[in-house]
Amino acid sequence: MAKSAITIKDVAREANVSVATVSRALNGHDNVAEPVRQLVLEVARRLRYTPHAAARSLSSRSTQTVGVVLPDLYGEFFSELMRGIDGVASAHRRHLLVSSFHGEPQQQGSVLQAMRGRVDGLLVLSPYAGDASALLDQLPADIPTVLINTPITDGSHPVFSIDDHAGALAMTGHLLAQGYRSIAFIGGPERNHDARERLRGFRDALATAPQAIESIELPGAFDEASGYEAGRALLARPRLPEAVFAANDMMALGCLYAFQQAGVRVPEQVALAGYDDIPLARFVHPSLTTMQVSIAGLGEQAMSHLLQRIREPGSQQTPGLMLVPSLVVRDSTARTAPLDPARDRG
């Protein structure tokens, strides 16, 4: 005869506490003394007790799970964002159900629908400009939801985002202050709200410059390949710009690789800057000047606020938070001497 499964009653009897105390300890409730919590956890591990998730959800009306919906899972931005989200979830003994709509806004509705009944709350990153009304129609009204980097401003949901316009203004201002008068900008996806704000910041900074600036705008897709192609396009011109501002670090690194393949020296022949300050930015050669965004911190704050909304659904909630990135100056934009005349490709 098969051995019967260990139940919560077995854990309670072995730990000499009530079943309710075991439940509170395992579910991470605050009203359990820490020594008691540790005792319960130790007994549960020793007995190899595994809570029945479906039964627990039915009894508590809680799944102990948070849904995370992202446009993509590839790249260091999403990796860092998930690192911040997961750290908070782990500290509060919450599980994560992560899904992507693969950069296709029309698929996000089905992804959100699939989360219903499986999660206690939602974190949603949907950066597509012009799709705000469609997203609002798709969000479940009965599930606490926090938005990340999403262009919704009607106050219906808390939004945690980055002030990309201010960040692009600061980076372009830095390049102008260094004396660069010919600047290329590698943009992001056309429908992406972050990309539009960074382009707007670049253009606004040039519009207020004290003297005329030659500007070049190239398309990009927030990945290394598009940065590489933009770099190749600049190399095909008769003359390189004095500086390149890529709308994210991944494109900047792709552009850097194109320049290095062609023997173009950064920053001696052309300065290069990015945006996001991904971990790799400080370890390439030359190290990359960029706008520092606490990507993991963004995830941490959004997740912490969502858990507060889940615990206290009727309490007054913050409308969200706008994080202002900071300029990090590294070697790739240093200008200690006049630009090398070899930047002329003609």
Protein backbone atom coordinates (compact mmCIF):
# COMPACT_ATOMS: atom_id res chain seq x y z
CA MET A 1 0.00 0.00 0.00
CA ALA A 2 1.32 3.41 -0.92
CA LYS A 3 2.38 5.65 1.92
CA SER A 4 -0.19 8.40 2.56
CA ALA A 5 0.87 11.97 1.78
CA ILE A 6 1.99 14.26 4.58
CA THR A 7 -0.72 16.78 5.45
CA ILE A 8 -0.76 20.13 7.19
CA LYS A 9 -2.17 18.36 10.26
CA ASP A 10 0.97 16.19 10.41
CA VAL A 11 3.17 19.30 10.36
CA ALA A 12 1.05 20.97 13.07
CA ARG A 13 1.20 17.87 15.31
CA GLU A 14 4.98 17.49 14.89
CA ALA A 15 5.61 21.21 15.55
CA ASN A 16 3.10 21.24 18.41
CA VAL A 17 1.21 24.23 16.99
CA SER A 18 -2.22 24.72 15.47
CA VAL A 19 -3.06 24.09 11.83
CA ALA A 20 -3.86 27.81 11.49
CA THR A 21 -0.36 28.71 12.71
CA VAL A 22 1.22 26.35 10.19
CA SER A 23 -0.86 27.90 7.42
CA ARG A 24 0.11 31.44 8.42
CA ALA A 25 3.79 30.52 8.72
CA LEU A 26 3.92 28.82 5.33
CA ASN A 27 2.02 31.64 3.63
CA GLY A 28 4.36 34.33 4.93
CA HIS A 29 1.89 36.17 7.16
CA ASP A 30 3.37 38.71 9.55
CA ASN A 31 1.43 37.62 12.64
CA VAL A 32 3.69 34.64 13.39
CA ALA A 33 6.67 34.92 15.73
CA GLU A 34 9.90 34.33 13.82
CA PRO A 35 11.06 31.39 16.02
CA VAL A 36 7.70 29.68 15.44
CA ARG A 37 7.92 30.35 11.70
CA GLN A 38 11.39 28.82 11.53
CA LEU A 39 10.23 25.79 13.53
CA VAL A 40 7.29 25.22 11.18
CA LEU A 41 9.47 25.60 8.09
CA GLU A 42 12.05 23.19 9.49
CA VAL A 43 9.38 20.57 10.33
CA ALA A 44 7.77 21.00 6.90
CA ARG A 45 11.14 20.45 5.22
CA ARG A 46 11.95 17.43 7.36
CA LEU A 47 8.57 15.82 6.68
CA ARG A 48 8.80 16.85 3.01
CA TYR A 49 5.42 18.51 3.24
CA THR A 50 4.24 20.17 0.04
CA PRO A 51 1.10 22.34 0.24
CA HIS A 52 -1.55 21.43 -2.30
CA ALA A 53 -1.66 24.62 -4.36
CA ALA A 54 -5.15 24.13 -5.75
CA ALA A 55 -6.67 23.28 -2.36
CA ARG A 56 -4.90 26.21 -0.73
CA SER A 57 -6.18 28.57 -3.40
CA LEU A 58 -9.75 27.38 -2.88
CA SER A 59 -9.61 27.74 0.90
CA SER A 60 -7.78 31.06 1.03
CA ARG A 61 -8.92 32.51 -2.30
CA SER A 62 -5.26 33.27 -2.88
CA THR A 63 -2.86 31.69 -5.35
CA GLN A 64 0.26 33.23 -3.75
CA THR A 65 1.26 33.94 -7.35
CA VAL A 66 1.83 37.18 -9.25
CA GLY A 67 1.57 37.37 -13.03
CA VAL A 68 4.23 39.28 -15.00
CA VAL A 69 3.38 40.16 -18.60
CA LEU A 70 6.22 41.49 -20.76
CA PRO A 71 6.56 42.34 -24.46
CA ASP A 72 9.68 40.16 -24.66
CA LEU A 73 11.98 38.08 -22.46
CA TYR A 74 15.20 38.60 -24.42
CA GLY A 75 17.88 41.11 -23.47
CA GLU A 76 19.56 42.52 -20.41
CA PHE A 77 16.81 45.07 -19.73
CA PHE A 78 14.21 42.37 -19.15
CA SER A 79 16.72 40.22 -17.27
CA GLU A 80 17.46 43.07 -14.86
CA LEU A 81 13.79 43.96 -14.50
CA MET A 82 12.93 40.35 -13.64
CA ARG A 83 15.82 40.23 -11.16
CA GLY A 84 14.25 43.09 -9.22
CA ILE A 85 10.74 41.65 -9.41
CA ASP A 86 11.87 38.17 -8.39
CA GLY A 87 13.86 39.45 -5.41
CA VAL A 88 10.78 41.06 -3.86
CA ALA A 89 8.58 38.09 -4.74
CA SER A 90 10.99 35.67 -3.11
CA ALA A 91 11.26 37.79 0.04
CA HIS A 92 7.46 37.66 0.38
CA ARG A 93 7.19 33.97 -0.55
CA ARG A 94 5.30 34.67 -3.73
CA HIS A 95 5.53 32.70 -6.96
CA LEU A 96 5.81 34.30 -10.40
CA LEU A 97 3.93 33.35 -13.54
CA VAL A 98 5.80 35.07 -16.39
CA SER A 99 4.55 35.37 -19.96
CA SER A 100 5.52 37.33 -23.07
CA PHE A 101 3.45 38.54 -25.98
CA HIS A 102 6.58 38.46 -28.18
CA GLY A 103 6.47 42.10 -29.22
CA GLU A 104 3.02 41.67 -30.77
CA PRO A 105 0.55 44.05 -29.03
CA GLN A 106 -2.42 42.21 -30.50
CA GLN A 107 -1.40 39.09 -28.53
CA GLN A 108 -1.30 40.75 -25.12
CA GLY A 109 -5.07 40.39 -24.65
CA SER A 110 -4.89 36.59 -24.84
CA VAL A 111 -1.90 36.55 -22.50
CA LEU A 112 -3.77 38.66 -19.95
CA GLN A 113 -6.86 36.49 -20.28
CA ALA A 114 -4.75 33.38 -19.57
CA MET A 115 -3.69 34.89 -16.25
CA ARG A 116 -7.24 35.05 -14.86
CA GLY A 117 -7.81 32.69 -11.95
CA ARG A 118 -4.11 31.89 -11.70
CA VAL A 119 -2.70 35.02 -10.06
CA ASP A 120 -3.49 37.45 -7.22
CA GLY A 121 -2.08 40.45 -9.07
CA LEU A 122 -0.50 41.57 -12.32
CA LEU A 123 2.60 43.48 -13.37
CA VAL A 124 2.26 44.55 -17.00
CA LEU A 125 4.84 46.21 -19.23
CA SER A 126 3.26 47.38 -22.47
CA PRO A 127 5.34 50.20 -24.00
CA TYR A 128 3.39 50.57 -27.22
CA ALA A 129 2.37 54.14 -27.95
CA GLY A 130 -1.19 54.48 -29.21
CA ASP A 131 -2.41 51.20 -27.68
CA ALA A 132 -3.36 52.56 -24.25
CA SER A 133 -7.11 52.33 -24.74
CA ALA A 134 -6.88 48.76 -26.03
CA LEU A 135 -4.76 47.76 -23.04
CA LEU A 136 -7.23 49.30 -20.58
CA ASP A 137 -10.02 47.25 -22.14
CA GLN A 138 -7.95 44.07 -21.75
CA LEU A 139 -6.86 44.49 -18.13
CA PRO A 140 -8.96 42.36 -15.73
CA ALA A 141 -11.01 44.68 -13.51
CA ASP A 142 -10.97 42.23 -10.59
CA ILE A 143 -7.18 41.73 -10.36
CA PRO A 144 -4.89 44.36 -8.76
CA THR A 145 -2.60 45.60 -11.52
CA VAL A 146 0.51 47.76 -11.66
CA LEU A 147 1.88 49.00 -14.98
CA ILE A 148 5.55 49.45 -15.88
CA ASN A 149 6.78 51.84 -18.61
CA THR A 150 3.29 52.03 -20.07
CA PRO A 151 1.88 55.25 -21.60
CA ILE A 152 -1.35 55.38 -19.58
CA THR A 153 -1.97 58.67 -17.80
CA ASP A 154 -5.66 58.52 -16.81
CA GLY A 155 -4.91 57.46 -13.22
CA SER A 156 -6.81 54.18 -13.52
CA HIS A 157 -3.71 52.14 -12.61
CA PRO A 158 -0.42 52.94 -10.88
CA VAL A 159 2.36 53.39 -13.45
CA PHE A 160 6.05 52.96 -12.59
CA SER A 161 8.17 54.36 -15.38
CA ILE A 162 11.34 56.14 -16.44
CA ASP A 163 11.51 59.78 -17.55
CA ASP A 164 13.08 58.97 -20.92
CA HIS A 165 12.59 62.48 -22.28
CA ALA A 166 14.65 63.94 -19.43
CA GLY A 167 17.27 61.21 -19.85
CA ALA A 168 17.73 61.90 -23.56
CA LEU A 169 17.91 65.64 -22.88
CA ALA A 170 20.70 65.03 -20.38
CA MET A 171 22.70 62.73 -22.67
CA THR A 172 22.42 65.03 -25.67
CA GLY A 173 23.35 67.97 -23.45
CA HIS A 174 26.46 66.09 -22.33
CA LEU A 175 27.54 65.49 -25.94
CA LEU A 176 26.95 69.16 -26.79
CA ALA A 177 28.91 70.26 -23.72
CA GLN A 178 31.81 68.09 -24.91
CA GLY A 179 31.85 70.18 -28.08
CA TYR A 180 30.40 67.66 -30.51
CA ARG A 181 28.57 69.45 -33.30
CA SER A 182 27.63 66.51 -35.53
CA ILE A 183 25.56 63.88 -33.70
CA ALA A 184 23.84 60.76 -34.97
CA PHE A 185 20.91 59.21 -33.10
CA ILE A 186 19.99 55.52 -33.36
CA GLY A 187 16.32 55.21 -32.44
CA GLY A 188 14.17 52.36 -31.19
CA PRO A 189 11.00 50.71 -32.54
CA GLU A 190 8.64 53.28 -34.00
CA ARG A 191 5.62 52.25 -31.91
CA ASN A 192 7.56 51.99 -28.66
CA HIS A 193 6.74 54.77 -26.17
CA ASP A 194 10.22 54.73 -24.58
CA ALA A 195 11.84 55.07 -28.00
CA ARG A 196 9.61 57.99 -28.90
CA GLU A 197 10.38 59.81 -25.67
CA ARG A 198 14.14 59.37 -26.14
CA LEU A 199 13.93 60.67 -29.69
CA ARG A 200 11.84 63.61 -28.50
CA GLY A 201 14.45 64.42 -25.85
CA PHE A 202 17.25 64.29 -28.44
CA ARG A 203 15.40 66.62 -30.80
CA ASP A 204 14.43 69.04 -28.04
CA ALA A 205 18.03 69.29 -26.83
CA LEU A 206 19.26 70.09 -30.34
CA ALA A 207 16.48 72.64 -30.84
CA THR A 208 17.72 74.67 -27.87
CA ALA A 209 21.44 74.33 -28.66
CA PRO A 210 23.22 77.71 -28.91
CA GLN A 211 24.52 76.93 -32.40
CA ALA A 212 23.49 74.84 -35.40
CA ILE A 213 24.09 71.12 -34.99
CA GLU A 214 24.24 68.56 -37.79
CA SER A 215 21.98 65.66 -36.79
CA ILE A 216 21.45 62.26 -38.34
CA GLU A 217 18.63 59.91 -37.32
CA LEU A 218 18.81 56.20 -38.02
CA PRO A 219 16.23 53.47 -37.28
CA GLY A 220 16.83 50.80 -34.66
CA ALA A 221 15.09 47.96 -32.86
CA PHE A 222 16.62 48.05 -29.35
CA ASP A 223 18.90 45.08 -30.17
CA GLU A 224 22.57 44.59 -31.06
CA ALA A 225 21.86 43.71 -34.69
CA SER A 226 20.10 47.00 -35.45
CA GLY A 227 22.87 48.92 -33.70
CA TYR A 228 25.40 47.09 -35.85
CA GLU A 229 23.45 47.93 -39.03
CA ALA A 230 23.23 51.58 -37.99
CA GLY A 231 26.98 51.61 -37.42
CA ARG A 232 27.53 50.14 -40.88
CA ALA A 233 25.25 52.79 -42.37
CA LEU A 234 27.29 55.54 -40.70
CA LEU A 235 30.52 53.99 -41.96
CA ALA A 236 29.14 54.10 -45.52
CA ARG A 237 28.74 57.89 -45.33
CA PRO A 238 31.53 60.14 -46.71
CA ARG A 239 32.17 61.48 -43.23
CA LEU A 240 31.47 60.05 -39.78
CA PRO A 241 29.52 62.11 -37.27
CA GLU A 242 31.48 63.39 -34.29
CA ALA A 243 29.27 61.47 -31.85
CA VAL A 244 26.62 58.75 -31.84
CA PHE A 245 23.83 58.50 -29.27
CA ALA A 246 22.12 55.11 -29.34
CA ALA A 247 18.70 54.96 -27.65
CA ASN A 248 19.77 51.91 -25.65
CA ASP A 249 23.01 50.19 -24.67
CA MET A 250 22.40 47.06 -26.73
CA MET A 251 22.33 49.13 -29.94
CA ALA A 252 25.36 51.10 -28.76
CA LEU A 253 27.31 47.86 -28.32
CA GLY A 254 26.28 46.68 -31.79
CA CYS A 255 27.41 50.01 -33.24
CA LEU A 256 30.69 49.77 -31.33
CA TYR A 257 31.34 46.36 -32.87
CA ALA A 258 30.75 47.74 -36.38
CA PHE A 259 33.20 50.56 -35.71
CA GLN A 260 35.82 48.19 -34.29
CA GLN A 261 35.52 45.89 -37.31
CA ALA A 262 36.21 48.89 -39.56
CA GLY A 263 39.17 50.05 -37.47
CA VAL A 264 37.39 53.22 -36.29
CA ARG A 265 38.59 54.26 -32.86
CA VAL A 266 36.13 55.25 -30.11
CA PRO A 267 36.26 57.98 -28.83
CA GLU A 268 39.28 59.28 -30.81
CA GLN A 269 37.41 59.29 -34.13
CA VAL A 270 33.81 59.18 -32.98
CA ALA A 271 32.23 59.35 -29.53
CA LEU A 272 29.56 56.82 -28.59
CA ALA A 273 26.85 56.87 -25.91
CA GLY A 274 24.01 54.56 -24.91
CA TYR A 275 21.07 54.42 -22.52
CA ASP A 276 20.05 52.05 -19.66
CA ASP A 277 23.45 51.26 -18.08
CA ILE A 278 23.13 47.52 -18.48
CA PRO A 279 25.85 45.58 -16.57
CA LEU A 280 27.89 44.99 -19.73
CA ALA A 281 28.22 48.75 -20.40
CA ARG A 282 31.04 49.19 -17.89
CA PHE A 283 33.02 46.15 -19.03
CA VAL A 284 33.37 46.79 -22.78
CA HIS A 285 36.35 48.70 -24.18
CA PRO A 286 36.05 51.60 -24.15
CA SER A 287 33.59 51.62 -21.26
CA LEU A 288 30.26 53.08 -22.36
CA THR A 289 28.87 56.48 -21.39
CA THR A 290 25.18 55.95 -20.73
CA MET A 291 22.11 57.00 -18.81
CA GLN A 292 21.84 54.99 -15.62
CA VAL A 293 18.40 53.58 -14.97
CA SER A 294 17.93 51.33 -11.96
CA ILE A 295 16.16 48.67 -13.98
CA ALA A 296 16.15 46.16 -11.12
CA GLY A 297 15.04 48.95 -8.78
CA LEU A 298 12.14 49.73 -11.10
CA GLY A 299 11.03 46.10 -10.86
CA GLU A 300 11.46 46.08 -7.09
CA GLN A 301 9.34 49.18 -6.54
CA ALA A 302 6.58 48.07 -8.91
CA MET A 303 6.42 44.62 -7.29
CA SER A 304 6.43 46.04 -3.75
CA HIS A 305 3.54 48.35 -4.59
CA LEU A 306 1.57 45.54 -6.20
CA LEU A 307 1.94 43.37 -3.08
CA GLN A 308 0.68 46.31 -1.00
CA ARG A 309 -2.38 46.58 -3.26
CA ILE A 310 -3.00 42.84 -2.90
CA ARG A 311 -2.73 42.97 0.91
CA GLU A 312 -4.72 46.22 1.30
CA PRO A 313 -7.13 46.44 -1.64
CA GLY A 314 -9.16 49.27 -0.12
CA SER A 315 -6.29 51.51 0.98
CA GLN A 316 -5.20 54.73 -0.69
CA GLN A 317 -2.68 53.87 -3.37
CA THR A 318 0.03 55.94 -5.00
CA PRO A 319 -0.52 56.84 -8.68
CA GLY A 320 2.93 55.39 -9.37
CA LEU A 321 6.43 56.75 -9.72
CA MET A 322 8.52 58.41 -12.41
CA LEU A 323 12.22 57.61 -12.07
CA VAL A 324 14.72 60.13 -13.48
CA PRO A 325 17.85 58.49 -14.93
CA SER A 326 21.32 59.86 -14.18
CA LEU A 327 24.21 60.49 -16.53
CA VAL A 328 27.19 58.13 -16.19
CA VAL A 329 30.22 59.45 -18.07
CA ARG A 330 32.77 56.82 -19.08
CA ASP A 331 35.55 56.56 -21.65
CA SER A 332 33.46 56.29 -24.84
CA THR A 333 32.66 60.04 -24.98
CA ALA A 334 35.94 61.45 -23.62
CA ARG A 335 37.27 64.36 -25.59
CA THR A 336 40.76 65.33 -24.48
CA ALA A 337 42.00 66.50 -27.89
CA PRO A 338 40.60 67.65 -31.25
CA LEU A 339 38.87 64.91 -33.18
CA ASP A 340 41.16 62.74 -35.29
CA PRO A 341 40.95 63.87 -38.94
CA ALA A 342 40.81 60.16 -39.87
CA ARG A 343 37.10 60.29 -39.06
CA ASP A 344 36.74 61.60 -42.64
CA ARG A 345 35.78 58.46 -44.60
CA GLY A 346 36.11 60.18 -47.98
